[in-house]
Amino acid sequence: MWSSLMVPGYLSEETVPARGTRSRPSARYVRAPKGVRLTGHGFVTGRPLLYHNHGIQVAQGPAIMVAGEPITVQVMHLGASPLRLTTDMTVGFIDPYEGPTYEVPRDKIPECDETSKEEKDSPLPGVDVSSVPEEWSGDLRAPLQKHTPLWGGNLGLIRGVELRMRLKPGAVPVRQHPYKAVPLAREREKAEVERMRSMGVIEPSTGEWASPGVMVPKPDGSVGFCIDYRKLNLMKVKDAYPIPRMYECIDSIEDARAFSTLDCNAGYWQIPVAEEDKDLTAFTCHSGAWQCVRLPFGL
């Protein structure tokens, strides 16, 4: 049955499955049971806790509510194993919407330019300067234009440091076979290996070391390529670096008036591996044996 939840400012209703549903890793539709007490337009949103804990994502969007009638919402399961949705599980919320609505036939919907005005006025694509005061605009545009190549999407290279590894006394090479994979996983693995090879991240290997590669699902439904370095890590001498205290970091910017955020393009892959340690990073997959030229994940 439906239950109500009071939210400051408006009334929200919980969406729960009409019957027990077994959701496999895919997208499907779930009918919520009868008992809606509101009539009119509403907006469906997912439950964040359900997404973070179980990978269940509810497609948010408008819905028409009729008192006593069920509604249908699309649910996507991004997890790796089946999950049962029970009738007492809250999968999302629907809030009443009292603003203007317009019904437009699908064939009448024009193609829209999704580029916002802020992005069009930005000195570079992907740089949001909407919150920058006008008097700072000139000083900001100059360095951004100067470093335009940084926004080209190319993989950078940090030349001041290299990844170096030390092994514990008595360590012996580890060479493992690739993990079992179905044909679809092999195709994705092959494509990812080719992408890394074309970017100069990996190169063919013929050494004694080899850790298995593994495909890991991401929350957005895509798949990432990782390397299982657990056995290698057991034989490495760990490095210890001091971790900065957060309150000291905050104190250091107490007088600052402007803040910016930068996200490196594949930051790990911008750090080179020392030539004499490349054989330690070697991995095996169904596309052959490779070793890393740039810092891989997992070390």
Protein backbone atom coordinates (compact mmCIF):
# COMPACT_ATOMS: atom_id res chain seq x y z
CA MET A 1 0.00 0.00 0.00
CA TRP A 2 1.02 3.62 -0.32
CA SER A 3 2.22 5.54 2.70
CA SER A 4 2.68 9.29 3.02
CA LEU A 5 5.85 11.13 3.96
CA MET A 6 5.83 14.74 5.11
CA VAL A 7 8.55 16.85 3.52
CA PRO A 8 9.00 20.53 4.46
CA GLY A 9 7.07 22.64 1.98
CA TYR A 10 5.05 19.95 0.20
CA LEU A 11 3.55 16.48 0.43
CA SER A 12 5.46 13.58 -1.04
CA GLU A 13 4.30 10.01 -1.55
CA GLU A 14 6.48 6.90 -1.56
CA THR A 15 6.56 4.57 -4.57
CA VAL A 16 6.68 0.88 -3.70
CA PRO A 17 6.27 -2.18 -5.99
CA ALA A 18 2.75 -3.57 -6.35
CA ARG A 19 4.11 -7.09 -5.81
CA GLY A 20 7.41 -8.79 -5.13
CA THR A 21 9.66 -8.26 -8.13
CA ARG A 22 13.00 -9.93 -8.89
CA SER A 23 15.15 -7.38 -10.70
CA ARG A 24 18.12 -8.60 -12.72
CA PRO A 25 20.92 -6.25 -13.83
CA SER A 26 18.90 -4.42 -16.50
CA ALA A 27 16.15 -1.83 -16.96
CA ARG A 28 12.48 -2.69 -16.44
CA TYR A 29 9.15 -1.14 -15.46
CA VAL A 30 7.58 -1.55 -12.02
CA ARG A 31 3.93 -0.82 -11.28
CA ALA A 32 3.28 0.94 -8.00
CA PRO A 33 0.09 -0.27 -6.19
CA LYS A 34 -3.24 1.46 -5.86
CA GLY A 35 -3.67 4.03 -3.16
CA VAL A 36 -2.39 7.34 -4.54
CA ARG A 37 -4.24 10.02 -2.66
CA LEU A 38 -3.40 12.86 -5.03
CA THR A 39 -4.74 13.75 -8.47
CA GLY A 40 -2.82 15.86 -10.94
CA HIS A 41 0.71 16.20 -12.21
CA GLY A 42 3.64 14.87 -10.20
CA PHE A 43 7.37 14.43 -10.48
CA VAL A 44 9.02 11.07 -9.76
CA THR A 45 12.45 10.90 -8.09
CA GLY A 46 14.50 7.93 -6.94
CA ARG A 47 15.62 7.02 -3.45
CA PRO A 48 19.35 7.83 -3.09
CA LEU A 49 19.96 5.24 -0.37
CA LEU A 50 18.62 2.45 -2.58
CA TYR A 51 20.97 3.49 -5.38
CA HIS A 52 24.07 3.69 -3.19
CA ASN A 53 23.41 0.39 -1.37
CA HIS A 54 21.95 -1.79 -4.14
CA GLY A 55 22.53 -0.01 -7.47
CA ILE A 56 18.76 0.49 -8.04
CA GLN A 57 18.08 3.69 -9.98
CA VAL A 58 14.60 5.07 -10.69
CA ALA A 59 14.08 7.13 -13.85
CA GLN A 60 12.99 10.56 -12.66
CA GLY A 61 10.47 12.59 -14.62
CA PRO A 62 6.87 13.81 -14.78
CA ALA A 63 3.89 11.56 -14.10
CA ILE A 64 0.11 11.91 -14.06
CA MET A 65 -1.47 10.92 -10.73
CA VAL A 66 -5.05 9.75 -10.38
CA ALA A 67 -6.34 9.06 -6.87
CA GLY A 68 -6.72 5.32 -6.30
CA GLU A 69 -4.93 4.36 -9.53
CA PRO A 70 -1.46 2.79 -9.88
CA ILE A 71 1.41 4.37 -11.79
CA THR A 72 4.31 2.79 -13.65
CA VAL A 73 7.92 3.86 -13.11
CA GLN A 74 11.08 2.67 -14.87
CA VAL A 75 13.66 1.06 -12.63
CA MET A 76 17.24 0.22 -13.66
CA HIS A 77 19.33 -2.29 -11.74
CA LEU A 78 23.04 -1.45 -12.10
CA GLY A 79 24.27 -4.10 -9.67
CA ALA A 80 26.06 -7.32 -10.50
CA SER A 81 23.55 -9.79 -9.02
CA PRO A 82 19.72 -10.14 -9.00
CA LEU A 83 17.82 -8.26 -6.29
CA ARG A 84 14.25 -8.83 -5.06
CA LEU A 85 12.09 -5.73 -4.66
CA THR A 86 9.53 -6.41 -1.94
CA THR A 87 6.15 -4.73 -1.54
CA ASP A 88 7.31 -2.87 1.58
CA MET A 89 10.40 -1.41 -0.11
CA THR A 90 10.39 2.29 -0.97
CA VAL A 91 12.02 2.74 -4.40
CA GLY A 92 11.29 6.43 -4.87
CA PHE A 93 9.02 9.40 -4.27
CA ILE A 94 6.46 11.34 -6.26
CA ASP A 95 5.83 14.99 -5.46
CA PRO A 96 2.89 17.09 -6.67
CA TYR A 97 3.65 19.68 -9.34
CA GLU A 98 1.38 22.71 -9.63
CA GLY A 99 3.28 24.69 -12.25
CA PRO A 100 2.30 25.07 -15.92
CA THR A 101 2.39 21.99 -18.16
CA TYR A 102 2.24 21.70 -21.95
CA GLU A 103 1.45 18.69 -24.11
CA VAL A 104 3.49 18.59 -27.32
CA PRO A 105 3.24 15.77 -29.92
CA ARG A 106 6.47 13.85 -30.32
CA ASP A 107 6.79 14.78 -34.00
CA LYS A 108 6.45 18.47 -33.12
CA ILE A 109 9.34 18.56 -30.66
CA PRO A 110 12.19 20.57 -32.24
CA GLU A 111 15.81 19.62 -31.88
CA CYS A 112 17.18 21.67 -29.03
CA ASP A 113 20.66 22.94 -28.49
CA GLU A 114 21.49 21.69 -25.00
CA THR A 115 24.45 24.05 -24.65
CA SER A 116 23.67 26.48 -21.86
CA LYS A 117 24.22 30.22 -22.19
CA GLU A 118 26.97 30.00 -19.56
CA GLU A 119 28.83 27.42 -21.65
CA LYS A 120 28.43 29.48 -24.82
CA ASP A 121 29.81 32.55 -23.06
CA SER A 122 32.60 30.52 -21.48
CA PRO A 123 36.16 31.12 -22.75
CA LEU A 124 36.57 27.36 -23.18
CA PRO A 125 34.14 24.42 -23.54
CA GLY A 126 33.30 22.79 -20.22
CA VAL A 127 34.42 25.76 -18.11
CA ASP A 128 31.57 27.26 -16.11
CA VAL A 129 32.22 30.93 -15.37
CA SER A 130 28.64 31.88 -14.53
CA SER A 131 29.51 32.65 -10.88
CA VAL A 132 32.59 34.74 -11.67
CA PRO A 133 32.12 38.48 -11.03
CA GLU A 134 32.32 40.66 -14.12
CA GLU A 135 35.34 42.56 -12.82
CA TRP A 136 37.33 39.29 -12.68
CA SER A 137 36.28 38.08 -16.12
CA GLY A 138 39.24 39.53 -18.00
CA ASP A 139 41.83 38.22 -15.55
CA LEU A 140 40.26 34.75 -15.75
CA ARG A 141 40.00 34.48 -19.53
CA ALA A 142 43.65 35.33 -20.15
CA PRO A 143 45.21 32.28 -18.40
CA LEU A 144 42.48 29.96 -19.70
CA GLN A 145 43.13 31.01 -23.27
CA LYS A 146 46.88 30.70 -22.72
CA HIS A 147 46.50 27.07 -21.62
CA THR A 148 43.88 26.07 -24.19
CA PRO A 149 45.68 22.78 -25.10
CA LEU A 150 44.95 21.47 -21.60
CA TRP A 151 41.27 21.24 -22.56
CA GLY A 152 41.94 19.18 -25.69
CA GLY A 153 41.19 15.86 -23.99
CA ASN A 154 44.72 14.56 -24.60
CA LEU A 155 46.53 12.53 -21.95
CA GLY A 156 49.15 14.60 -20.17
CA LEU A 157 52.48 13.46 -18.72
CA ILE A 158 54.06 14.39 -15.38
CA ARG A 159 57.82 14.39 -15.97
CA GLY A 160 58.93 15.23 -12.44
CA VAL A 161 58.16 11.83 -10.88
CA GLU A 162 58.05 8.15 -11.81
CA LEU A 163 56.42 5.10 -10.23
CA ARG A 164 59.13 2.99 -8.60
CA MET A 165 58.54 -0.21 -6.65
CA ARG A 166 60.67 -2.15 -4.17
CA LEU A 167 60.12 -5.85 -3.52
CA LYS A 168 60.51 -7.60 -0.19
CA PRO A 169 63.46 -9.99 0.22
CA GLY A 170 62.65 -13.43 -1.17
CA ALA A 171 59.86 -12.23 -3.49
CA VAL A 172 59.34 -14.47 -6.53
CA PRO A 173 57.57 -13.58 -9.80
CA VAL A 174 53.82 -14.18 -9.96
CA ARG A 175 52.24 -15.20 -13.26
CA GLN A 176 48.48 -15.79 -13.26
CA HIS A 177 46.08 -16.87 -16.00
CA PRO A 178 43.30 -14.56 -17.21
CA TYR A 179 39.97 -14.85 -15.42
CA LYS A 180 37.14 -16.68 -17.17
CA ALA A 181 34.98 -14.36 -19.29
CA VAL A 182 31.92 -14.75 -21.52
CA PRO A 183 32.15 -13.66 -25.20
CA LEU A 184 30.53 -10.26 -24.55
CA ALA A 185 32.98 -9.52 -21.72
CA ARG A 186 35.86 -10.53 -23.98
CA GLU A 187 34.74 -8.05 -26.64
CA ARG A 188 34.57 -5.23 -24.09
CA GLU A 189 37.94 -6.27 -22.69
CA LYS A 190 39.50 -6.25 -26.16
CA ALA A 191 38.11 -2.80 -26.90
CA GLU A 192 39.41 -1.40 -23.60
CA VAL A 193 42.87 -2.90 -24.13
CA GLU A 194 43.01 -1.43 -27.63
CA ARG A 195 41.98 1.97 -26.25
CA MET A 196 44.77 1.87 -23.65
CA ARG A 197 47.29 0.75 -26.27
CA SER A 198 46.33 3.57 -28.63
CA MET A 199 46.74 6.11 -25.81
CA GLY A 200 50.22 4.84 -24.98
CA VAL A 201 49.19 3.57 -21.53
CA ILE A 202 50.28 -0.05 -22.10
CA GLU A 203 52.69 -1.99 -24.30
CA PRO A 204 53.26 -5.71 -25.07
CA SER A 205 55.00 -7.70 -22.35
CA THR A 206 57.18 -10.83 -22.37
CA GLY A 207 58.41 -10.77 -18.75
CA GLU A 208 57.98 -13.19 -15.85
CA TRP A 209 55.30 -11.22 -14.02
CA ALA A 210 51.60 -11.22 -14.91
CA SER A 211 48.52 -10.28 -12.90
CA PRO A 212 45.00 -11.00 -14.23
CA GLY A 213 42.85 -8.26 -15.73
CA VAL A 214 39.22 -7.96 -14.66
CA MET A 215 36.20 -6.02 -15.97
CA VAL A 216 34.39 -4.10 -13.21
CA PRO A 217 30.85 -2.63 -13.66
CA LYS A 218 30.44 1.07 -12.87
CA PRO A 219 27.37 2.74 -11.30
CA ASP A 220 26.47 4.39 -14.64
CA GLY A 221 26.16 0.98 -16.36
CA SER A 222 29.49 1.09 -18.18
CA VAL A 223 32.37 -1.30 -17.53
CA GLY A 224 35.90 -0.40 -16.50
CA PHE A 225 39.11 -2.39 -16.91
CA CYS A 226 41.08 -3.08 -13.72
CA ILE A 227 44.04 -5.29 -12.80
CA ASP A 228 44.09 -7.63 -9.81
CA TYR A 229 47.43 -6.73 -8.22
CA ARG A 230 46.69 -8.30 -4.83
CA LYS A 231 49.50 -10.88 -4.99
CA LEU A 232 52.00 -8.32 -6.24
CA ASN A 233 51.02 -5.87 -3.50
CA LEU A 234 51.76 -8.51 -0.83
CA MET A 235 55.37 -8.65 -2.02
CA LYS A 236 55.89 -4.90 -2.34
CA VAL A 237 57.49 -2.63 0.24
CA LYS A 238 54.74 -0.11 0.99
CA ASP A 239 55.44 3.59 0.79
CA ALA A 240 54.29 5.84 3.63
CA TYR A 241 53.35 9.43 2.86
CA PRO A 242 52.01 11.96 5.39
CA ILE A 243 48.32 12.70 4.87
CA PRO A 244 47.50 16.39 5.30
CA ARG A 245 45.08 17.34 8.05
CA MET A 246 41.81 18.67 6.70
CA TYR A 247 41.52 21.58 9.12
CA GLU A 248 45.00 22.75 8.14
CA CYS A 249 43.97 22.71 4.48
CA ILE A 250 40.89 24.77 5.30
CA ASP A 251 42.90 27.22 7.39
CA SER A 252 45.27 27.79 4.48
CA ILE A 253 42.45 29.20 2.32
CA GLU A 254 40.57 31.20 4.95
CA ASP A 255 41.41 34.51 3.26
CA ALA A 256 40.64 33.32 -0.26
CA ARG A 257 37.78 34.97 -2.14
CA ALA A 258 37.64 32.77 -5.27
CA PHE A 259 37.60 28.99 -5.49
CA SER A 260 37.88 26.70 -8.49
CA THR A 261 37.79 22.95 -9.08
CA LEU A 262 39.91 21.04 -11.59
CA ASP A 263 39.56 17.37 -12.52
CA CYS A 264 42.52 15.73 -14.26
CA ASN A 265 41.85 13.65 -17.35
CA ALA A 266 42.73 10.10 -16.16
CA GLY A 267 45.09 11.43 -13.48
CA TYR A 268 46.66 8.04 -12.77
CA TRP A 269 47.66 7.60 -16.39
CA GLN A 270 49.58 10.88 -16.38
CA ILE A 271 52.28 9.41 -14.09
CA PRO A 272 54.92 7.31 -15.93
CA VAL A 273 56.25 3.98 -14.67
CA ALA A 274 60.02 3.66 -14.24
CA GLU A 275 61.55 1.63 -17.07
CA GLU A 276 63.06 -0.98 -14.75
CA ASP A 277 59.69 -1.57 -13.00
CA LYS A 278 57.42 -1.90 -16.02
CA ASP A 279 57.67 -5.72 -16.00
CA LEU A 280 56.16 -5.79 -12.49
CA THR A 281 52.97 -4.12 -13.78
CA ALA A 282 52.40 -6.76 -16.48
CA PHE A 283 48.93 -8.27 -16.78
CA THR A 284 47.27 -11.03 -18.79
CA CYS A 285 43.91 -11.02 -20.51
CA HIS A 286 42.26 -12.72 -23.47
CA SER A 287 44.00 -10.20 -25.75
CA GLY A 288 47.52 -11.22 -24.71
CA ALA A 289 50.12 -10.06 -22.18
CA TRP A 290 50.74 -6.36 -21.59
CA GLN A 291 52.65 -4.12 -19.22
CA CYS A 292 51.89 -0.60 -18.08
CA VAL A 293 53.77 2.44 -19.31
CA ARG A 294 51.66 4.73 -17.07
CA LEU A 295 50.56 4.22 -13.46
CA PRO A 296 47.73 1.63 -13.33
CA PHE A 297 44.94 1.42 -10.77
CA GLY A 298 45.46 -0.97 -7.88
CA LEU A 299 49.14 -0.50 -7.01
